[in-house]
Amino acid sequence: AEQLRAATSNRLQTVLLDVTSSKSIADVTAWVRDRVGDQGLWG
């Protein structure tokens, strides 16, 4: 995540996700919901 942030603009945001962990997926879903708001996730 740190390496990717260093190579991109401030529009890109990183989050840690382990796709084998239901808790991690739930946490990332809440994080994404906070970022996108009512607009939703385009992709």
PDB file of all heavy atoms in Angstrom:
ATOM      1  N   ALA A   1       0.828  -1.202   0.000  1.00  0.00           N
ATOM      2  CA  ALA A   1       0.000   0.000   0.000  1.00  0.00           C
ATOM      3  C   ALA A   1       0.864   1.254   0.000  1.00  0.00           C
ATOM      4  O   ALA A   1       0.587   2.215  -0.725  1.00  0.00           O
ATOM      5  CB  ALA A   1      -0.927   0.000   1.218  1.00  0.00           C
ATOM      6  N   GLU A   2       1.916   1.242   0.784  1.00  0.00           N
ATOM      7  CA  GLU A   2       2.807   2.404   0.863  1.00  0.00           C
ATOM      8  C   GLU A   2       3.513   2.646  -0.469  1.00  0.00           C
ATOM      9  O   GLU A   2       3.616   3.781  -0.929  1.00  0.00           O
ATOM     10  CB  GLU A   2       3.829   2.173   1.977  1.00  0.00           C
ATOM     11  CG  GLU A   2       4.713   3.351   2.255  1.00  0.00           C
ATOM     12  CD  GLU A   2       5.639   3.078   3.434  1.00  0.00           C
ATOM     13  OE1 GLU A   2       5.147   2.572   4.464  1.00  0.00           O
ATOM     14  OE2 GLU A   2       6.838   3.367   3.302  1.00  0.00           O
ATOM     15  N   GLN A   3       3.960   1.579  -1.106  1.00  0.00           N
ATOM     16  CA  GLN A   3       4.640   1.696  -2.401  1.00  0.00           C
ATOM     17  C   GLN A   3       3.686   2.254  -3.452  1.00  0.00           C
ATOM     18  O   GLN A   3       4.062   3.099  -4.267  1.00  0.00           O
ATOM     19  CB  GLN A   3       5.175   0.322  -2.819  1.00  0.00           C
ATOM     20  CG  GLN A   3       5.908   0.291  -4.134  1.00  0.00           C
ATOM     21  CD  GLN A   3       5.021  -0.136  -5.284  1.00  0.00           C
ATOM     22  OE1 GLN A   3       4.005  -0.803  -5.112  1.00  0.00           O
ATOM     23  NE2 GLN A   3       5.386   0.278  -6.468  1.00  0.00           N
ATOM     24  N   LEU A   4       2.436   1.824  -3.432  1.00  0.00           N
ATOM     25  CA  LEU A   4       1.451   2.304  -4.400  1.00  0.00           C
ATOM     26  C   LEU A   4       1.110   3.770  -4.155  1.00  0.00           C
ATOM     27  O   LEU A   4       1.011   4.559  -5.091  1.00  0.00           O
ATOM     28  CB  LEU A   4       0.184   1.440  -4.335  1.00  0.00           C
ATOM     29  CG  LEU A   4      -0.907   1.754  -5.343  1.00  0.00           C
ATOM     30  CD1 LEU A   4      -0.389   1.628  -6.777  1.00  0.00           C
ATOM     31  CD2 LEU A   4      -2.094   0.836  -5.131  1.00  0.00           C
ATOM     32  N   ARG A   5       0.946   4.153  -2.900  1.00  0.00           N
ATOM     33  CA  ARG A   5       0.660   5.556  -2.578  1.00  0.00           C
ATOM     34  C   ARG A   5       1.786   6.477  -3.043  1.00  0.00           C
ATOM     35  O   ARG A   5       1.540   7.592  -3.503  1.00  0.00           O
ATOM     36  CB  ARG A   5       0.443   5.732  -1.071  1.00  0.00           C
ATOM     37  CG  ARG A   5      -0.943   5.386  -0.603  1.00  0.00           C
ATOM     38  CD  ARG A   5      -1.186   5.842   0.829  1.00  0.00           C
ATOM     39  NE  ARG A   5      -0.199   5.329   1.767  1.00  0.00           N
ATOM     40  CZ  ARG A   5      -0.355   4.234   2.502  1.00  0.00           C
ATOM     41  NH1 ARG A   5      -1.454   3.526   2.406  1.00  0.00           N
ATOM     42  NH2 ARG A   5       0.598   3.856   3.339  1.00  0.00           N
ATOM     43  N   ALA A   6       3.015   6.000  -2.928  1.00  0.00           N
ATOM     44  CA  ALA A   6       4.160   6.817  -3.334  1.00  0.00           C
ATOM     45  C   ALA A   6       4.201   7.038  -4.846  1.00  0.00           C
ATOM     46  O   ALA A   6       4.757   8.028  -5.306  1.00  0.00           O
ATOM     47  CB  ALA A   6       5.455   6.156  -2.863  1.00  0.00           C
ATOM     48  N   ALA A   7       3.603   6.127  -5.610  1.00  0.00           N
ATOM     49  CA  ALA A   7       3.680   6.201  -7.071  1.00  0.00           C
ATOM     50  C   ALA A   7       2.453   6.845  -7.710  1.00  0.00           C
ATOM     51  O   ALA A   7       2.377   6.916  -8.932  1.00  0.00           O
ATOM     52  CB  ALA A   7       3.870   4.793  -7.639  1.00  0.00           C
ATOM     53  N   THR A   8       1.500   7.327  -6.895  1.00  0.00           N
ATOM     54  CA  THR A   8       0.243   7.829  -7.453  1.00  0.00           C
ATOM     55  C   THR A   8      -0.120   9.185  -6.859  1.00  0.00           C
ATOM     56  O   THR A   8       0.549   9.684  -5.959  1.00  0.00           O
ATOM     57  CB  THR A   8      -0.900   6.825  -7.184  1.00  0.00           C
ATOM     58  OG1 THR A   8      -0.985   6.593  -5.777  1.00  0.00           O
ATOM     59  CG2 THR A   8      -0.668   5.513  -7.913  1.00  0.00           C
ATOM     60  N   SER A   9      -1.237   9.717  -7.343  1.00  0.00           N
ATOM     61  CA  SER A   9      -1.707  11.017  -6.851  1.00  0.00           C
ATOM     62  C   SER A   9      -2.479  10.839  -5.546  1.00  0.00           C
ATOM     63  O   SER A   9      -2.715   9.720  -5.096  1.00  0.00           O
ATOM     64  CB  SER A   9      -2.615  11.665  -7.898  1.00  0.00           C
ATOM     65  OG  SER A   9      -3.877  11.017  -7.915  1.00  0.00           O
ATOM     66  N   ASN A  10      -2.927  11.963  -4.993  1.00  0.00           N
ATOM     67  CA  ASN A  10      -3.680  11.893  -3.739  1.00  0.00           C
ATOM     68  C   ASN A  10      -5.133  11.453  -3.959  1.00  0.00           C
ATOM     69  O   ASN A  10      -5.860  11.282  -2.991  1.00  0.00           O
ATOM     70  CB  ASN A  10      -3.625  13.233  -3.002  1.00  0.00           C
ATOM     71  CG  ASN A  10      -4.193  14.367  -3.822  1.00  0.00           C
ATOM     72  OD1 ASN A  10      -4.617  14.186  -4.965  1.00  0.00           O
ATOM     73  ND2 ASN A  10      -4.208  15.550  -3.247  1.00  0.00           N
ATOM     74  N   ARG A  11      -5.562  11.280  -5.213  1.00  0.00           N
ATOM     75  CA  ARG A  11      -6.903  10.731  -5.479  1.00  0.00           C
ATOM     76  C   ARG A  11      -6.978   9.262  -5.077  1.00  0.00           C
ATOM     77  O   ARG A  11      -8.027   8.772  -4.690  1.00  0.00           O
ATOM     78  CB  ARG A  11      -7.261  10.852  -6.966  1.00  0.00           C
ATOM     79  CG  ARG A  11      -7.705  12.203  -7.420  1.00  0.00           C
ATOM     80  CD  ARG A  11      -8.164  12.155  -8.871  1.00  0.00           C
ATOM     81  NE  ARG A  11      -7.212  11.502  -9.746  1.00  0.00           N
ATOM     82  CZ  ARG A  11      -6.204  12.110 -10.352  1.00  0.00           C
ATOM     83  NH1 ARG A  11      -6.009  13.395 -10.175  1.00  0.00           N
ATOM     84  NH2 ARG A  11      -5.385  11.439 -11.141  1.00  0.00           N
ATOM     85  N   LEU A  12      -5.860   8.550  -5.205  1.00  0.00           N
ATOM     86  CA  LEU A  12      -5.827   7.126  -4.880  1.00  0.00           C
ATOM     87  C   LEU A  12      -5.717   6.946  -3.376  1.00  0.00           C
ATOM     88  O   LEU A  12      -4.881   7.571  -2.734  1.00  0.00           O
ATOM     89  CB  LEU A  12      -4.646   6.454  -5.573  1.00  0.00           C
ATOM     90  CG  LEU A  12      -4.556   4.946  -5.382  1.00  0.00           C
ATOM     91  CD1 LEU A  12      -4.228   4.266  -6.702  1.00  0.00           C
ATOM     92  CD2 LEU A  12      -3.545   4.580  -4.330  1.00  0.00           C
ATOM     93  N   GLN A  13      -6.586   6.106  -2.826  1.00  0.00           N
ATOM     94  CA  GLN A  13      -6.555   5.790  -1.398  1.00  0.00           C
ATOM     95  C   GLN A  13      -6.369   4.289  -1.252  1.00  0.00           C
ATOM     96  O   GLN A  13      -6.910   3.515  -2.042  1.00  0.00           O
ATOM     97  CB  GLN A  13      -7.851   6.215  -0.725  1.00  0.00           C
ATOM     98  CG  GLN A  13      -8.107   7.705  -0.791  1.00  0.00           C
ATOM     99  CD  GLN A  13      -9.447   8.057  -0.166  1.00  0.00           C
ATOM    100  OE1 GLN A  13      -9.937   7.365   0.710  1.00  0.00           O
ATOM    101  NE2 GLN A  13     -10.025   9.153  -0.617  1.00  0.00           N
ATOM    102  N   THR A  14      -5.610   3.893  -0.258  1.00  0.00           N
ATOM    103  CA  THR A  14      -5.365   2.467  -0.047  1.00  0.00           C
ATOM    104  C   THR A  14      -6.020   1.994   1.241  1.00  0.00           C
ATOM    105  O   THR A  14      -6.259   2.774   2.163  1.00  0.00           O
ATOM    106  CB  THR A  14      -3.858   2.162   0.016  1.00  0.00           C
ATOM    107  OG1 THR A  14      -3.290   2.884   1.101  1.00  0.00           O
ATOM    108  CG2 THR A  14      -3.162   2.529  -1.287  1.00  0.00           C
ATOM    109  N   VAL A  15      -6.288   0.698   1.270  1.00  0.00           N
ATOM    110  CA  VAL A  15      -6.862   0.049   2.440  1.00  0.00           C
ATOM    111  C   VAL A  15      -6.313  -1.371   2.469  1.00  0.00           C
ATOM    112  O   VAL A  15      -6.009  -1.953   1.424  1.00  0.00           O
ATOM    113  CB  VAL A  15      -8.414   0.056   2.386  1.00  0.00           C
ATOM    114  CG1 VAL A  15      -8.937  -0.746   1.219  1.00  0.00           C
ATOM    115  CG2 VAL A  15      -9.014  -0.419   3.690  1.00  0.00           C
ATOM    116  N   LEU A  16      -6.154  -1.920   3.666  1.00  0.00           N
ATOM    117  CA  LEU A  16      -5.674  -3.291   3.797  1.00  0.00           C
ATOM    118  C   LEU A  16      -6.869  -4.240   3.740  1.00  0.00           C
ATOM    119  O   LEU A  16      -7.873  -4.029   4.426  1.00  0.00           O
ATOM    120  CB  LEU A  16      -4.901  -3.478   5.098  1.00  0.00           C
ATOM    121  CG  LEU A  16      -3.615  -2.666   5.219  1.00  0.00           C
ATOM    122  CD1 LEU A  16      -2.916  -2.961   6.539  1.00  0.00           C
ATOM    123  CD2 LEU A  16      -2.679  -2.942   4.055  1.00  0.00           C
ATOM    124  N   LEU A  17      -6.746  -5.286   2.917  1.00  0.00           N
ATOM    125  CA  LEU A  17      -7.834  -6.249   2.746  1.00  0.00           C
ATOM    126  C   LEU A  17      -7.267  -7.650   2.612  1.00  0.00           C
ATOM    127  O   LEU A  17      -6.402  -7.904   1.771  1.00  0.00           O
ATOM    128  CB  LEU A  17      -8.659  -5.915   1.492  1.00  0.00           C
ATOM    129  CG  LEU A  17      -9.708  -6.947   1.064  1.00  0.00           C
ATOM    130  CD1 LEU A  17     -10.799  -7.099   2.126  1.00  0.00           C
ATOM    131  CD2 LEU A  17     -10.313  -6.566  -0.276  1.00  0.00           C
ATOM    132  N   ASP A  18      -7.770  -8.544   3.435  1.00  0.00           N
ATOM    133  CA  ASP A  18      -7.494  -9.977   3.318  1.00  0.00           C
ATOM    134  C   ASP A  18      -8.802 -10.618   2.877  1.00  0.00           C
ATOM    135  O   ASP A  18      -9.757 -10.686   3.660  1.00  0.00           O
ATOM    136  CB  ASP A  18      -7.018 -10.536   4.655  1.00  0.00           C
ATOM    137  CG  ASP A  18      -6.785 -12.041   4.621  1.00  0.00           C
ATOM    138  OD1 ASP A  18      -6.941 -12.658   3.542  1.00  0.00           O
ATOM    139  OD2 ASP A  18      -6.434 -12.599   5.675  1.00  0.00           O
ATOM    140  N   VAL A  19      -8.874 -11.076   1.630  1.00  0.00           N
ATOM    141  CA  VAL A  19     -10.143 -11.585   1.092  1.00  0.00           C
ATOM    142  C   VAL A  19     -10.565 -12.905   1.725  1.00  0.00           C
ATOM    143  O   VAL A  19     -11.692 -13.359   1.501  1.00  0.00           O
ATOM    144  CB  VAL A  19     -10.099 -11.725  -0.450  1.00  0.00           C
ATOM    145  CG1 VAL A  19      -9.920 -10.382  -1.111  1.00  0.00           C
ATOM    146  CG2 VAL A  19      -9.045 -12.715  -0.899  1.00  0.00           C
ATOM    147  N   THR A  20      -9.704 -13.514   2.545  1.00  0.00           N
ATOM    148  CA  THR A  20     -10.096 -14.747   3.236  1.00  0.00           C
ATOM    149  C   THR A  20     -10.690 -14.471   4.606  1.00  0.00           C
ATOM    150  O   THR A  20     -11.105 -15.393   5.293  1.00  0.00           O
ATOM    151  CB  THR A  20      -8.886 -15.697   3.389  1.00  0.00           C
ATOM    152  OG1 THR A  20      -7.892 -15.067   4.205  1.00  0.00           O
ATOM    153  CG2 THR A  20      -8.287 -16.051   2.037  1.00  0.00           C
ATOM    154  N   SER A  21     -10.751 -13.202   5.004  1.00  0.00           N
ATOM    155  CA  SER A  21     -11.263 -12.827   6.322  1.00  0.00           C
ATOM    156  C   SER A  21     -12.578 -12.060   6.177  1.00  0.00           C
ATOM    157  O   SER A  21     -12.613 -10.961   5.611  1.00  0.00           O
ATOM    158  CB  SER A  21     -10.232 -11.960   7.044  1.00  0.00           C
ATOM    159  OG  SER A  21     -10.805 -11.314   8.148  1.00  0.00           O
ATOM    160  N   SER A  22     -13.650 -12.610   6.724  1.00  0.00           N
ATOM    161  CA  SER A  22     -14.955 -11.939   6.665  1.00  0.00           C
ATOM    162  C   SER A  22     -14.932 -10.611   7.402  1.00  0.00           C
ATOM    163  O   SER A  22     -15.569  -9.642   6.969  1.00  0.00           O
ATOM    164  CB  SER A  22     -16.043 -12.840   7.259  1.00  0.00           C
ATOM    165  OG  SER A  22     -16.209 -13.992   6.465  1.00  0.00           O
ATOM    166  N   LYS A  23     -14.196 -10.540   8.497  1.00  0.00           N
ATOM    167  CA  LYS A  23     -14.100  -9.278   9.237  1.00  0.00           C
ATOM    168  C   LYS A  23     -13.393  -8.211   8.408  1.00  0.00           C
ATOM    169  O   LYS A  23     -13.829  -7.063   8.349  1.00  0.00           O
ATOM    170  CB  LYS A  23     -13.374  -9.473  10.569  1.00  0.00           C
ATOM    171  CG  LYS A  23     -13.287  -8.181  11.376  1.00  0.00           C
ATOM    172  CD  LYS A  23     -12.477  -8.354  12.623  1.00  0.00           C
ATOM    173  CE  LYS A  23     -12.335  -7.105  13.457  1.00  0.00           C
ATOM    174  NZ  LYS A  23     -12.507  -5.834  12.833  1.00  0.00           N
ATOM    175  N   SER A  24     -12.320  -8.598   7.740  1.00  0.00           N
ATOM    176  CA  SER A  24     -11.595  -7.660   6.894  1.00  0.00           C
ATOM    177  C   SER A  24     -12.484  -7.166   5.758  1.00  0.00           C
ATOM    178  O   SER A  24     -12.494  -5.969   5.437  1.00  0.00           O
ATOM    179  CB  SER A  24     -10.336  -8.329   6.328  1.00  0.00           C
ATOM    180  OG  SER A  24      -9.637  -7.443   5.493  1.00  0.00           O
ATOM    181  N   ILE A  25     -13.251  -8.043   5.163  1.00  0.00           N
ATOM    182  CA  ILE A  25     -14.159  -7.655   4.078  1.00  0.00           C
ATOM    183  C   ILE A  25     -15.237  -6.711   4.590  1.00  0.00           C
ATOM    184  O   ILE A  25     -15.557  -5.705   3.952  1.00  0.00           O
ATOM    185  CB  ILE A  25     -14.774  -8.906   3.410  1.00  0.00           C
ATOM    186  CG1 ILE A  25     -13.674  -9.690   2.684  1.00  0.00           C
ATOM    187  CG2 ILE A  25     -15.901  -8.524   2.455  1.00  0.00           C
ATOM    188  CD1 ILE A  25     -14.114 -11.045   2.171  1.00  0.00           C
ATOM    189  N   ALA A  26     -15.796  -7.005   5.765  1.00  0.00           N
ATOM    190  CA  ALA A  26     -16.818  -6.124   6.346  1.00  0.00           C
ATOM    191  C   ALA A  26     -16.239  -4.748   6.664  1.00  0.00           C
ATOM    192  O   ALA A  26     -16.888  -3.723   6.416  1.00  0.00           O
ATOM    193  CB  ALA A  26     -17.408  -6.763   7.595  1.00  0.00           C
ATOM    194  N   ASP A  27     -15.020  -4.720   7.204  1.00  0.00           N
ATOM    195  CA  ASP A  27     -14.376  -3.433   7.519  1.00  0.00           C
ATOM    196  C   ASP A  27     -14.133  -2.621   6.250  1.00  0.00           C
ATOM    197  O   ASP A  27     -14.356  -1.405   6.224  1.00  0.00           O
ATOM    198  CB  ASP A  27     -13.051  -3.658   8.244  1.00  0.00           C
ATOM    199  CG  ASP A  27     -13.231  -4.222   9.650  1.00  0.00           C
ATOM    200  OD1 ASP A  27     -14.369  -4.180  10.174  1.00  0.00           O
ATOM    201  OD2 ASP A  27     -12.226  -4.704  10.213  1.00  0.00           O
ATOM    202  N   VAL A  28     -13.670  -3.271   5.188  1.00  0.00           N
ATOM    203  CA  VAL A  28     -13.411  -2.566   3.928  1.00  0.00           C
ATOM    204  C   VAL A  28     -14.722  -2.096   3.302  1.00  0.00           C
ATOM    205  O   VAL A  28     -14.788  -0.993   2.746  1.00  0.00           O
ATOM    206  CB  VAL A  28     -12.597  -3.450   2.959  1.00  0.00           C
ATOM    207  CG1 VAL A  28     -12.574  -2.862   1.560  1.00  0.00           C
ATOM    208  CG2 VAL A  28     -11.183  -3.629   3.494  1.00  0.00           C
ATOM    209  N   THR A  29     -15.771  -2.879   3.415  1.00  0.00           N
ATOM    210  CA  THR A  29     -17.076  -2.463   2.890  1.00  0.00           C
ATOM    211  C   THR A  29     -17.552  -1.188   3.575  1.00  0.00           C
ATOM    212  O   THR A  29     -18.018  -0.258   2.916  1.00  0.00           O
ATOM    213  CB  THR A  29     -18.118  -3.591   3.065  1.00  0.00           C
ATOM    214  OG1 THR A  29     -17.663  -4.750   2.352  1.00  0.00           O
ATOM    215  CG2 THR A  29     -19.472  -3.179   2.545  1.00  0.00           C
ATOM    216  N   ALA A  30     -17.408  -1.121   4.894  1.00  0.00           N
ATOM    217  CA  ALA A  30     -17.783   0.098   5.623  1.00  0.00           C
ATOM    218  C   ALA A  30     -16.894   1.263   5.211  1.00  0.00           C
ATOM    219  O   ALA A  30     -17.381   2.395   5.047  1.00  0.00           O
ATOM    220  CB  ALA A  30     -17.687  -0.148   7.129  1.00  0.00           C
ATOM    221  N   TRP A  31     -15.600   1.009   5.034  1.00  0.00           N
ATOM    222  CA  TRP A  31     -14.656   2.044   4.613  1.00  0.00           C
ATOM    223  C   TRP A  31     -15.028   2.575   3.234  1.00  0.00           C
ATOM    224  O   TRP A  31     -15.042   3.789   3.003  1.00  0.00           O
ATOM    225  CB  TRP A  31     -13.242   1.460   4.615  1.00  0.00           C
ATOM    226  CG  TRP A  31     -12.162   2.387   4.215  1.00  0.00           C
ATOM    227  CD1 TRP A  31     -11.519   3.302   5.006  1.00  0.00           C
ATOM    228  CD2 TRP A  31     -11.564   2.503   2.921  1.00  0.00           C
ATOM    229  NE1 TRP A  31     -10.561   3.962   4.277  1.00  0.00           N
ATOM    230  CE2 TRP A  31     -10.566   3.489   2.997  1.00  0.00           C
ATOM    231  CE3 TRP A  31     -11.766   1.864   1.705  1.00  0.00           C
ATOM    232  CZ2 TRP A  31      -9.780   3.851   1.902  1.00  0.00           C
ATOM    233  CZ3 TRP A  31     -10.996   2.218   0.610  1.00  0.00           C
ATOM    234  CH2 TRP A  31     -10.017   3.208   0.726  1.00  0.00           C
ATOM    235  N   VAL A  32     -15.368   1.687   2.316  1.00  0.00           N
ATOM    236  CA  VAL A  32     -15.767   2.095   0.957  1.00  0.00           C
ATOM    237  C   VAL A  32     -17.068   2.890   1.018  1.00  0.00           C
ATOM    238  O   VAL A  32     -17.209   3.924   0.361  1.00  0.00           O
ATOM    239  CB  VAL A  32     -15.901   0.874   0.026  1.00  0.00           C
ATOM    240  CG1 VAL A  32     -16.546   1.259  -1.299  1.00  0.00           C
ATOM    241  CG2 VAL A  32     -14.546   0.229  -0.218  1.00  0.00           C
ATOM    242  N   ARG A  33     -18.019   2.444   1.808  1.00  0.00           N
ATOM    243  CA  ARG A  33     -19.302   3.146   1.940  1.00  0.00           C
ATOM    244  C   ARG A  33     -19.078   4.577   2.426  1.00  0.00           C
ATOM    245  O   ARG A  33     -19.727   5.515   1.939  1.00  0.00           O
ATOM    246  CB  ARG A  33     -20.219   2.394   2.894  1.00  0.00           C
ATOM    247  CG  ARG A  33     -21.648   2.894   2.894  1.00  0.00           C
ATOM    248  CD  ARG A  33     -22.560   2.076   3.801  1.00  0.00           C
ATOM    249  NE  ARG A  33     -22.661   0.692   3.370  1.00  0.00           N
ATOM    250  CZ  ARG A  33     -22.214  -0.359   4.076  1.00  0.00           C
ATOM    251  NH1 ARG A  33     -21.646  -0.180   5.268  1.00  0.00           N
ATOM    252  NH2 ARG A  33     -22.332  -1.579   3.619  1.00  0.00           N
ATOM    253  N   ASP A  34     -18.153   4.762   3.355  1.00  0.00           N
ATOM    254  CA  ASP A  34     -17.830   6.117   3.837  1.00  0.00           C
ATOM    255  C   ASP A  34     -17.227   6.975   2.732  1.00  0.00           C
ATOM    256  O   ASP A  34     -17.465   8.173   2.672  1.00  0.00           O
ATOM    257  CB  ASP A  34     -16.854   6.051   5.010  1.00  0.00           C
ATOM    258  CG  ASP A  34     -17.487   5.518   6.274  1.00  0.00           C
ATOM    259  OD1 ASP A  34     -18.741   5.503   6.361  1.00  0.00           O
ATOM    260  OD2 ASP A  34     -16.734   5.106   7.178  1.00  0.00           O
ATOM    261  N   ARG A  35     -16.424   6.364   1.861  1.00  0.00           N
ATOM    262  CA  ARG A  35     -15.748   7.118   0.801  1.00  0.00           C
ATOM    263  C   ARG A  35     -16.684   7.497  -0.333  1.00  0.00           C
ATOM    264  O   ARG A  35     -16.615   8.597  -0.851  1.00  0.00           O
ATOM    265  CB  ARG A  35     -14.573   6.319   0.207  1.00  0.00           C
ATOM    266  CG  ARG A  35     -13.460   5.951   1.161  1.00  0.00           C
ATOM    267  CD  ARG A  35     -12.808   7.181   1.749  1.00  0.00           C
ATOM    268  NE  ARG A  35     -11.754   6.909   2.698  1.00  0.00           N
ATOM    269  CZ  ARG A  35     -11.913   6.579   3.973  1.00  0.00           C
ATOM    270  NH1 ARG A  35     -13.115   6.396   4.470  1.00  0.00           N
ATOM    271  NH2 ARG A  35     -10.875   6.433   4.779  1.00  0.00           N
ATOM    272  N   VAL A  36     -17.557   6.580  -0.739  1.00  0.00           N
ATOM    273  CA  VAL A  36     -18.375   6.818  -1.936  1.00  0.00           C
ATOM    274  C   VAL A  36     -19.703   7.489  -1.616  1.00  0.00           C
ATOM    275  O   VAL A  36     -20.293   8.127  -2.489  1.00  0.00           O
ATOM    276  CB  VAL A  36     -18.611   5.518  -2.740  1.00  0.00           C
ATOM    277  CG1 VAL A  36     -17.301   4.909  -3.154  1.00  0.00           C
ATOM    278  CG2 VAL A  36     -19.463   4.526  -1.975  1.00  0.00           C
ATOM    279  N   GLY A  37     -20.190   7.343  -0.407  1.00  0.00           N
ATOM    280  CA  GLY A  37     -21.457   7.962  -0.010  1.00  0.00           C
ATOM    281  C   GLY A  37     -22.621   7.493  -0.857  1.00  0.00           C
ATOM    282  O   GLY A  37     -22.717   6.318  -1.213  1.00  0.00           O
ATOM    283  N   ASP A  38     -23.518   8.425  -1.184  1.00  0.00           N
ATOM    284  CA  ASP A  38     -24.709   8.087  -1.966  1.00  0.00           C
ATOM    285  C   ASP A  38     -24.407   7.844  -3.434  1.00  0.00           C
ATOM    286  O   ASP A  38     -25.245   7.337  -4.165  1.00  0.00           O
ATOM    287  CB  ASP A  38     -25.745   9.216  -1.858  1.00  0.00           C
ATOM    288  CG  ASP A  38     -26.317   9.315  -0.456  1.00  0.00           C
ATOM    289  OD1 ASP A  38     -26.322   8.286   0.248  1.00  0.00           O
ATOM    290  OD2 ASP A  38     -26.752  10.411  -0.072  1.00  0.00           O
ATOM    291  N   GLN A  39     -23.210   8.215  -3.853  1.00  0.00           N
ATOM    292  CA  GLN A  39     -22.839   8.069  -5.258  1.00  0.00           C
ATOM    293  C   GLN A  39     -22.685   6.609  -5.661  1.00  0.00           C
ATOM    294  O   GLN A  39     -22.942   6.238  -6.801  1.00  0.00           O
ATOM    295  CB  GLN A  39     -21.533   8.829  -5.505  1.00  0.00           C
ATOM    296  CG  GLN A  39     -21.163   8.946  -6.945  1.00  0.00           C
ATOM    297  CD  GLN A  39     -19.918   9.796  -7.102  1.00  0.00           C
ATOM    298  OE1 GLN A  39     -19.114   9.925  -6.192  1.00  0.00           O
ATOM    299  NE2 GLN A  39     -19.778  10.373  -8.258  1.00  0.00           N
ATOM    300  N   GLY A  40     -22.250   5.766  -4.752  1.00  0.00           N
ATOM    301  CA  GLY A  40     -22.068   4.350  -5.059  1.00  0.00           C
ATOM    302  C   GLY A  40     -20.704   4.065  -5.654  1.00  0.00           C
ATOM    303  O   GLY A  40     -19.876   4.946  -5.850  1.00  0.00           O
ATOM    304  N   LEU A  41     -20.480   2.805  -5.939  1.00  0.00           N
ATOM    305  CA  LEU A  41     -19.209   2.315  -6.458  1.00  0.00           C
ATOM    306  C   LEU A  41     -19.355   2.022  -7.941  1.00  0.00           C
ATOM    307  O   LEU A  41     -20.087   1.122  -8.336  1.00  0.00           O
ATOM    308  CB  LEU A  41     -18.800   1.059  -5.685  1.00  0.00           C
ATOM    309  CG  LEU A  41     -17.413   0.495  -5.895  1.00  0.00           C
ATOM    310  CD1 LEU A  41     -16.346   1.510  -5.502  1.00  0.00           C
ATOM    311  CD2 LEU A  41     -17.247  -0.780  -5.079  1.00  0.00           C
ATOM    312  N   TRP A  42     -18.658   2.784  -8.780  1.00  0.00           N
ATOM    313  CA  TRP A  42     -18.791   2.672 -10.231  1.00  0.00           C
ATOM    314  C   TRP A  42     -18.145   1.404 -10.764  1.00  0.00           C
ATOM    315  O   TRP A  42     -18.559   0.866 -11.776  1.00  0.00           O
ATOM    316  CB  TRP A  42     -18.199   3.913 -10.885  1.00  0.00           C
ATOM    317  CG  TRP A  42     -18.475   4.025 -12.336  1.00  0.00           C
ATOM    318  CD1 TRP A  42     -19.690   4.178 -12.943  1.00  0.00           C
ATOM    319  CD2 TRP A  42     -17.518   4.014 -13.402  1.00  0.00           C
ATOM    320  NE1 TRP A  42     -19.540   4.258 -14.304  1.00  0.00           N
ATOM    321  CE2 TRP A  42     -18.210   4.166 -14.608  1.00  0.00           C
ATOM    322  CE3 TRP A  42     -16.132   3.901 -13.426  1.00  0.00           C
ATOM    323  CZ2 TRP A  42     -17.576   4.196 -15.836  1.00  0.00           C
ATOM    324  CZ3 TRP A  42     -15.504   3.939 -14.655  1.00  0.00           C
ATOM    325  CH2 TRP A  42     -16.226   4.085 -15.842  1.00  0.00           C
ATOM    326  N   GLY A  43     -17.120   0.914 -10.072  1.00  0.00           N
ATOM    327  CA  GLY A  43     -16.455  -0.296 -10.532  1.00  0.00           C
ATOM    328  C   GLY A  43     -15.850  -1.081  -9.390  1.00  0.00           C
ATOM    329  O   GLY A  43     -15.331  -0.510  -8.436  1.00  0.00           O
TER     330      GLY A  43
END
